Structure formats: C-alpha cells, structure tokens
Amino acid sequence: MLRPVRESVFVSRHRERWSRLEELLEAVERHGLRELSGDEVNELAHLYRASTSDLAVAQGRRYRQELQTMLNRLVGKAHALVYVAAVESGSDRLRQFFAYELPTELRRSWKIIGVCGIIAVIFGIVAYVSVNSDPHAIYALVPEGAVPAPIRKSLHDSNFAVRAAFAPAMSAVVITHNVQVAIGEFAGGITGGLLTLYLLAFNGLFLGAIAALFARAGFGWDFWATIAPHGAVELPSIIIAAAAGLIIGKALVMPGRLRRADALKAAARRAATLLIGVAVLLVWAGIFEGFVSPRRIAPELRLAIGAFNGLALAAFWLLAGRGRNSTVAPSP
C-alpha cells in the first residue's frame, strides 16, 4: 500500500508542472517556438528538464505503467518540438539576420554612418573641385600609382570595355577587391579609427579626383551613368564598413562606463553585423558592376538602374524589420 500513496503524492506535487508543459507545447505546435516570449522559452526548457527527471523517478520507482506512458509521451513530445524547432531556427538564421537584425542595426547606427558619409562626400568634393581647376592637383591628393593615364575615352569605353563572356570573372574580381577594402576599413578600428578614417578619406579623394578628370575630358555624364548601376550600392557599403570600423574605434578609445574589454565585445557584435551586411551588399554591387554597368545601354537607362538599386537599398534600410522586437543588443 506504500507505493500507491507515494505515487499519489508524487502526482499531486507535479501535476501542475506537467499541465503547464503541455500548454506550452500546444502553443509551440500552433504558432512555433519563435512566438514564445523569452521567459516562456526559459520556462519551457526548465519544465522539459524537470519532466525528464520526473520520468526517470517514475521508472526507477516502478510507478503505474499509465503514469510512465503519460510522462514518456510528454517528454518525447517536448524533445521533438523543442529540438526540431531549434534546428529550424538554425536553418532560418540567415532570414532572421537579413530581415530583422541587419536593418535594425543600420537604423541604430545611422548617426555614425551619416558622419562617415559626410566625410567621404567632403573629401570627394574637395578632390573634384581641386582637380577640375588643375588636373595636376591629383598628384597631391592620391598616390602616383593610382593616377590614371590621360583620359582619351569614356569610362564605359575604357575600364568597362569588356566582353559579356568576361562578366563573371570581372564580377568576381570586383567583389573580392571591394570586400578587401571593406575589411580594411573595419580592421582599422583597432587603431582607434585612424586607419579607418584614412581609408575613407582616400576613397572619397580618389572618386572625386577621377570624376573630375573624366569631366574635364568631356565624359562626365558617361562617368556617372557608368558608376550608377553598381555605385548606388557599392558606395554606401564602403561608408557602412567605415562606420563599423569607427564603432570598434570608439569602444577602444571611449569605452564609457563599461570596462574596455566589455565595450569592445559589445561593439564587435554591432560592427560584425554591419560588416556581414556589407559583404552581401558588395556581392550585389559586384554582380551589377560585372553584368550591367559594362553593357551598351543608354546612359539614361544605366542611371535609372542605379536609382532603382539606391531606392531598393533605402527601402530595406528604412522599412525592413520594423514592427518586431529587435535582437540587437543595447548600445555600450
């Protein structure tokens, strides 16, 4: 008679736990694990572990087979739902990142991205005005090895005069180069952002100076039309990469109330989010630079394609991921 009494006490003590676990499992079945709050996910994990222990106790004490069967079914159901959902979450990680985390971080970092954009534009304008007034000024602004030969043809007929068959190779080369530039700006954060600022300024100077040379040669319209399809994504990407580097640099130089190591960890997470996004954006830009920019299409159409890419990037930046709780950590 002792066993039934002990078993009844065991059941009365833990029945509420099993009922709550069943309730959470039904919610997961209906809506998925992601729809649970953080507290509910933690509760589900705790109840699953506790019920697993309850099953072991019931089996060890040889309680009624009906109770063991019920607990075995409950634990098995929890295991299947929780672990299958976890696998699905892993396979769904990219969608979560690009649909919510990246655009949220872009909006959160708009100030530092804006500062980087202003710096690039200022240096670009300075170089354009200087070289447009005196072509020899380019030697004071960019390294001699980066100065192009005298402009005789449009950008479309010189740098982009490639056959369609070479488009994949050109796209791969361009993507690789641009990603290296972005990584350099990001890594420059370990210098307190000084190297990042130098690379950002150099890119602005180089673009402005080259644009001025083509404008003086009478190919300014074609220059911007050729740059537009890929530049509408590529140029913002380079600026965002610089912002990622400055986020690291700021945490290194001005950690605030956090320990420098903790500030760097938090900044690294933010910067890594931006850099991964930049890498994907540069692939997007590289595809257009290899397959669209060199094509013999009207400059107006090339400009329209650039405008479309720019608007698509802006829409993603401003609209994606809204209306849902952000997974981005608080600012250090």
Protein backbone atom coordinates (compact mmCIF):
# COMPACT_ATOMS: atom_id res chain seq x y z
CA MET A 1 0.00 0.00 0.00
CA LEU A 2 3.01 2.28 0.42
CA ARG A 3 3.72 2.62 -3.32
CA PRO A 4 0.27 4.00 -4.31
CA VAL A 5 0.44 6.58 -1.52
CA ARG A 6 3.90 7.71 -2.57
CA GLU A 7 2.79 7.74 -6.19
CA SER A 8 -0.29 9.85 -5.46
CA VAL A 9 1.82 12.38 -3.59
CA PHE A 10 4.29 12.45 -6.48
CA VAL A 11 1.49 13.05 -8.99
CA SER A 12 -0.26 15.73 -6.94
CA ARG A 13 3.04 17.54 -6.41
CA HIS A 14 4.00 17.65 -10.10
CA ARG A 15 0.68 17.55 -11.97
CA GLU A 16 0.64 21.35 -12.38
CA ARG A 17 4.15 21.26 -13.91
CA TRP A 18 3.11 18.67 -16.48
CA SER A 19 -0.04 20.59 -17.35
CA ARG A 20 1.94 23.79 -17.90
CA LEU A 21 4.45 21.95 -20.09
CA GLU A 22 1.58 20.52 -22.13
CA GLU A 23 0.13 24.02 -22.50
CA LEU A 24 3.42 25.46 -23.77
CA LEU A 25 3.93 22.56 -26.16
CA GLU A 26 0.49 23.14 -27.67
CA ALA A 27 1.40 26.81 -28.15
CA VAL A 28 4.59 25.78 -29.97
CA GLU A 29 2.63 23.38 -32.16
CA ARG A 30 0.18 26.13 -33.15
CA HIS A 31 2.50 29.10 -33.60
CA GLY A 32 6.11 27.94 -33.49
CA LEU A 33 8.85 28.38 -30.91
CA ARG A 34 9.67 31.95 -32.04
CA GLU A 35 6.26 33.17 -30.92
CA LEU A 36 7.01 32.39 -27.27
CA SER A 37 8.42 35.17 -25.13
CA GLY A 38 11.91 34.89 -23.70
CA ASP A 39 10.53 33.96 -20.29
CA GLU A 40 8.28 31.31 -21.81
CA VAL A 41 11.19 29.76 -23.72
CA ASN A 42 13.20 29.57 -20.49
CA GLU A 43 10.18 28.12 -18.70
CA LEU A 44 9.72 25.52 -21.43
CA ALA A 45 13.35 24.43 -21.15
CA HIS A 46 13.10 24.21 -17.36
CA LEU A 47 9.85 22.22 -17.46
CA TYR A 48 11.27 19.86 -20.09
CA ARG A 49 14.33 19.07 -17.94
CA ALA A 50 12.21 18.69 -14.81
CA SER A 51 9.73 16.36 -16.54
CA THR A 52 12.61 14.27 -17.85
CA SER A 53 13.73 13.83 -14.24
CA ASP A 54 10.14 13.01 -13.24
CA LEU A 55 10.05 10.26 -15.86
CA ALA A 56 13.29 8.80 -14.54
CA VAL A 57 11.88 8.83 -10.99
CA ALA A 58 8.63 7.16 -12.11
CA GLN A 59 10.55 4.46 -13.94
CA GLY A 60 13.00 3.94 -11.07
CA ARG A 61 10.21 3.61 -8.50
CA ARG A 62 8.12 1.48 -10.83
CA TYR A 63 5.03 3.63 -10.66
CA ARG A 64 1.97 2.68 -12.67
CA GLN A 65 2.59 2.00 -16.32
CA GLU A 66 -0.10 4.54 -17.25
CA LEU A 67 1.85 7.30 -15.46
CA GLN A 68 5.13 6.26 -17.08
CA THR A 69 3.47 6.20 -20.50
CA MET A 70 1.99 9.67 -19.99
CA LEU A 71 5.32 11.13 -18.89
CA ASN A 72 7.19 9.35 -21.66
CA ARG A 73 4.75 10.80 -24.23
CA LEU A 74 5.06 14.29 -22.73
CA VAL A 75 8.87 14.24 -22.63
CA GLY A 76 9.09 12.76 -26.12
CA LYS A 77 6.75 15.41 -27.49
CA ALA A 78 8.75 18.15 -25.79
CA HIS A 79 12.03 16.77 -27.12
CA ALA A 80 10.69 16.56 -30.66
CA LEU A 81 9.18 20.05 -30.70
CA VAL A 82 12.00 21.83 -28.91
CA TYR A 83 14.87 20.24 -30.82
CA VAL A 84 13.19 20.28 -34.22
CA ALA A 85 12.32 23.93 -33.65
CA ALA A 86 15.93 24.61 -32.70
CA VAL A 87 17.15 23.02 -35.94
CA GLU A 88 14.65 25.05 -37.91
CA SER A 89 15.79 28.19 -36.13
CA GLY A 90 19.35 27.45 -37.17
CA SER A 91 18.38 26.97 -40.80
CA ASP A 92 16.29 30.14 -40.56
CA ARG A 93 19.15 32.20 -39.11
CA LEU A 94 20.00 33.98 -42.34
CA ARG A 95 16.43 35.08 -42.85
CA GLN A 96 16.29 36.38 -39.29
CA PHE A 97 19.57 38.23 -39.77
CA PHE A 98 18.67 39.97 -43.01
CA ALA A 99 15.01 40.51 -42.24
CA TYR A 100 15.48 41.97 -38.75
CA GLU A 101 18.97 42.22 -37.27
CA LEU A 102 20.83 43.94 -40.11
CA PRO A 103 18.26 46.66 -40.93
CA THR A 104 17.74 47.30 -37.22
CA GLU A 105 21.47 47.80 -36.72
CA LEU A 106 21.66 50.04 -39.79
CA ARG A 107 18.96 52.29 -38.35
CA ARG A 108 20.54 52.20 -34.92
CA SER A 109 23.93 53.25 -36.35
CA TRP A 110 22.58 55.98 -38.64
CA LYS A 111 24.49 58.76 -36.89
CA ILE A 112 27.92 57.24 -37.25
CA ILE A 113 27.11 56.08 -40.79
CA GLY A 114 25.98 59.62 -41.56
CA VAL A 115 29.24 61.05 -40.20
CA CYS A 116 31.21 58.66 -42.42
CA GLY A 117 29.08 59.64 -45.40
CA ILE A 118 29.68 63.35 -44.77
CA ILE A 119 33.44 62.76 -44.51
CA ALA A 120 33.51 60.84 -47.80
CA VAL A 121 31.43 63.48 -49.58
CA ILE A 122 33.55 66.37 -48.28
CA PHE A 123 36.80 64.76 -49.42
CA GLY A 124 35.19 63.84 -52.74
CA ILE A 125 34.07 67.43 -53.34
CA VAL A 126 37.47 68.83 -52.36
CA ALA A 127 39.20 66.49 -54.80
CA TYR A 128 36.71 67.19 -57.59
CA VAL A 129 36.99 70.96 -57.27
CA SER A 130 40.79 70.85 -57.00
CA VAL A 131 41.38 68.54 -59.97
CA ASN A 132 38.73 70.22 -62.08
CA SER A 133 40.59 73.51 -61.58
CA ASP A 134 44.06 72.00 -62.04
CA PRO A 135 44.49 68.38 -63.26
CA HIS A 136 47.98 68.24 -61.77
CA ALA A 137 46.44 68.60 -58.30
CA ILE A 138 45.60 64.91 -58.45
CA TYR A 139 49.24 64.09 -57.67
CA ALA A 140 48.87 65.89 -54.35
CA LEU A 141 45.70 64.02 -53.47
CA VAL A 142 46.27 60.38 -54.44
CA PRO A 143 49.39 58.21 -54.81
CA GLU A 144 51.08 58.50 -58.19
CA GLY A 145 50.49 54.82 -58.90
CA ALA A 146 46.74 55.37 -58.64
CA VAL A 147 46.70 58.22 -61.15
CA PRO A 148 45.23 57.01 -64.46
CA ALA A 149 46.72 57.66 -67.88
CA PRO A 150 45.46 60.72 -69.75
CA ILE A 151 41.73 60.34 -70.40
CA ARG A 152 41.07 59.66 -74.09
CA LYS A 153 37.87 57.66 -73.88
CA SER A 154 34.81 57.46 -71.67
CA LEU A 155 34.87 55.24 -68.59
CA HIS A 156 32.43 52.95 -70.36
CA ASP A 157 34.84 52.54 -73.28
CA SER A 158 37.98 52.16 -71.18
CA ASN A 159 37.67 50.44 -67.79
CA PHE A 160 34.33 48.80 -68.67
CA ALA A 161 35.06 47.79 -72.27
CA VAL A 162 34.81 44.05 -71.65
CA ARG A 163 33.02 41.27 -73.47
CA ALA A 164 29.96 39.69 -71.93
CA ALA A 165 31.85 36.39 -71.62
CA PHE A 166 34.24 38.02 -69.15
CA ALA A 167 31.46 39.39 -66.95
CA PRO A 168 31.62 36.58 -64.33
CA ALA A 169 35.38 36.97 -63.93
CA MET A 170 35.12 40.74 -63.74
CA SER A 171 32.35 40.49 -61.17
CA ALA A 172 34.40 38.10 -59.01
CA VAL A 173 37.47 40.35 -59.14
CA VAL A 174 35.45 43.45 -58.27
CA ILE A 175 33.66 41.73 -55.37
CA THR A 176 36.96 40.45 -53.96
CA HIS A 177 38.60 43.87 -54.19
CA ASN A 178 35.69 45.72 -52.61
CA VAL A 179 35.36 43.22 -49.77
CA GLN A 180 39.08 43.66 -49.06
CA VAL A 181 38.60 47.43 -48.90
CA ALA A 182 35.64 46.99 -46.52
CA ILE A 183 37.60 44.62 -44.29
CA GLY A 184 40.47 47.11 -44.21
CA GLU A 185 38.16 49.87 -43.03
CA PHE A 186 36.65 47.54 -40.43
CA ALA A 187 40.04 46.35 -39.17
CA GLY A 188 41.20 49.97 -38.99
CA GLY A 189 39.05 50.26 -35.89
CA ILE A 190 41.86 48.69 -33.83
CA THR A 191 43.90 51.86 -34.47
CA GLY A 192 41.25 53.86 -32.70
CA GLY A 193 39.60 54.50 -36.04
CA LEU A 194 42.53 56.45 -37.52
CA LEU A 195 43.24 53.95 -40.30
CA THR A 196 39.51 53.70 -40.99
CA LEU A 197 39.27 57.47 -41.42
CA TYR A 198 42.34 57.48 -43.67
CA LEU A 199 40.89 54.79 -45.96
CA LEU A 200 37.50 56.51 -46.03
CA ALA A 201 39.09 59.85 -46.91
CA PHE A 202 41.25 58.23 -49.57
CA ASN A 203 38.24 56.62 -51.24
CA GLY A 204 36.47 59.97 -51.27
CA LEU A 205 39.51 61.74 -52.71
CA PHE A 206 40.06 59.09 -55.36
CA LEU A 207 36.46 59.09 -56.58
CA GLY A 208 36.28 62.88 -56.68
CA ALA A 209 39.60 63.22 -58.48
CA ILE A 210 38.82 60.58 -61.11
CA ALA A 211 35.36 62.04 -61.69
CA ALA A 212 36.96 65.44 -62.30
CA LEU A 213 39.42 64.02 -64.83
CA PHE A 214 36.62 62.42 -66.84
CA ALA A 215 34.53 65.60 -66.58
CA ARG A 216 37.41 67.73 -67.89
CA ALA A 217 37.82 65.29 -70.78
CA GLY A 218 34.14 65.70 -71.67
CA PHE A 219 32.95 62.34 -70.34
CA GLY A 220 31.40 63.40 -67.02
CA TRP A 221 27.85 62.32 -67.90
CA ASP A 222 29.02 58.90 -69.03
CA PHE A 223 31.20 58.54 -65.92
CA TRP A 224 28.29 58.89 -63.51
CA ALA A 225 25.98 56.84 -65.74
CA THR A 226 28.55 54.03 -65.75
CA ILE A 227 29.10 54.23 -61.99
CA ALA A 228 25.38 54.41 -61.14
CA PRO A 229 24.18 50.77 -61.51
CA HIS A 230 26.68 49.39 -59.03
CA GLY A 231 27.77 52.56 -57.23
CA ALA A 232 24.32 53.12 -55.75
CA VAL A 233 25.01 50.09 -53.54
CA GLU A 234 28.81 49.92 -53.54
CA LEU A 235 29.49 53.45 -52.27
CA PRO A 236 27.04 53.23 -49.31
CA SER A 237 28.57 49.83 -48.49
CA ILE A 238 32.06 51.30 -48.22
CA ILE A 239 30.68 54.03 -45.95
CA ILE A 240 28.89 51.47 -43.76
CA ALA A 241 32.11 49.43 -43.48
CA ALA A 242 33.89 52.56 -42.27
CA ALA A 243 31.15 53.09 -39.70
CA ALA A 244 31.72 49.54 -38.44
CA GLY A 245 35.41 50.34 -38.00
CA LEU A 246 34.62 53.54 -36.11
CA ILE A 247 32.26 51.66 -33.80
CA ILE A 248 35.23 49.48 -32.83
CA GLY A 249 37.49 52.51 -32.56
CA LYS A 250 35.06 54.39 -30.33
CA ALA A 251 34.77 51.45 -27.93
CA LEU A 252 38.57 51.24 -27.79
CA VAL A 253 39.14 54.94 -27.17
CA MET A 254 35.96 55.85 -25.26
CA PRO A 255 34.53 52.75 -23.56
CA GLY A 256 32.26 54.86 -21.34
CA ARG A 257 31.15 53.24 -18.10
CA LEU A 258 31.96 49.73 -19.30
CA ARG A 259 35.29 48.01 -18.96
CA ARG A 260 37.21 48.40 -22.21
CA ALA A 261 37.04 44.65 -22.87
CA ASP A 262 33.26 44.59 -22.38
CA ALA A 263 32.80 47.68 -24.54
CA LEU A 264 34.86 46.07 -27.31
CA LYS A 265 32.81 42.88 -27.16
CA ALA A 266 29.55 44.79 -27.50
CA ALA A 267 30.98 46.96 -30.29
CA ALA A 268 32.37 43.93 -32.10
CA ARG A 269 28.91 42.35 -32.23
CA ARG A 270 27.43 45.51 -33.74
CA ALA A 271 30.30 46.02 -36.16
CA ALA A 272 30.26 42.38 -37.26
CA THR A 273 26.55 42.67 -38.07
CA LEU A 274 27.27 45.66 -40.30
CA LEU A 275 30.30 44.01 -41.93
CA ILE A 276 28.39 40.84 -42.83
CA GLY A 277 25.69 43.01 -44.35
CA VAL A 278 28.33 44.99 -46.27
CA ALA A 279 29.81 41.79 -47.70
CA VAL A 280 26.42 40.77 -49.09
CA LEU A 281 25.74 44.26 -50.42
CA LEU A 282 29.10 44.24 -52.19
CA VAL A 283 28.19 40.96 -53.86
CA TRP A 284 25.00 42.66 -55.05
CA ALA A 285 27.02 45.64 -56.32
CA GLY A 286 29.66 43.41 -57.90
CA ILE A 287 27.07 41.50 -59.89
CA PHE A 288 25.78 44.75 -61.36
CA GLU A 289 29.31 46.01 -61.99
CA GLY A 290 30.19 42.86 -63.88
CA PHE A 291 26.95 42.20 -65.75
CA VAL A 292 25.13 45.55 -66.09
CA SER A 293 27.50 48.53 -65.91
CA PRO A 294 29.60 47.42 -68.94
CA ARG A 295 26.58 46.79 -71.18
CA ARG A 296 25.99 49.00 -74.21
CA ILE A 297 22.79 50.57 -72.98
CA ALA A 298 21.73 54.21 -72.90
CA PRO A 299 23.22 56.31 -70.09
CA GLU A 300 19.69 57.24 -69.00
CA LEU A 301 18.86 53.57 -68.52
CA ARG A 302 22.05 53.00 -66.53
CA LEU A 303 21.15 55.93 -64.31
CA ALA A 304 17.63 54.55 -63.88
CA ILE A 305 19.03 51.17 -62.83
CA GLY A 306 21.26 52.94 -60.30
CA ALA A 307 18.28 54.86 -58.96
CA PHE A 308 16.32 51.62 -58.61
CA ASN A 309 19.18 49.97 -56.68
CA GLY A 310 19.54 53.01 -54.47
CA LEU A 311 15.82 53.09 -53.69
CA ALA A 312 15.80 49.34 -53.01
CA LEU A 313 18.68 49.72 -50.54
CA ALA A 314 16.96 52.69 -48.89
CA ALA A 315 13.69 50.77 -48.58
CA PHE A 316 15.48 47.82 -46.98
CA TRP A 317 17.32 50.15 -44.62
CA LEU A 318 14.26 52.14 -43.55
CA LEU A 319 11.46 49.58 -43.61
CA ALA A 320 12.77 46.03 -43.07
CA GLY A 321 12.45 44.57 -39.60
CA ARG A 322 10.00 47.12 -38.24
CA GLY A 323 7.11 46.01 -36.07
CA ARG A 324 9.09 43.25 -34.43
CA ASN A 325 11.24 43.15 -31.33
CA SER A 326 14.87 43.81 -32.21
CA THR A 327 17.55 41.30 -31.31
CA VAL A 328 20.26 43.93 -31.33
CA ALA A 329 21.99 44.47 -28.01
CA PRO A 330 21.86 47.80 -26.25
CA SER A 331 24.49 50.38 -27.07
CA PRO A 332 27.64 50.24 -24.94
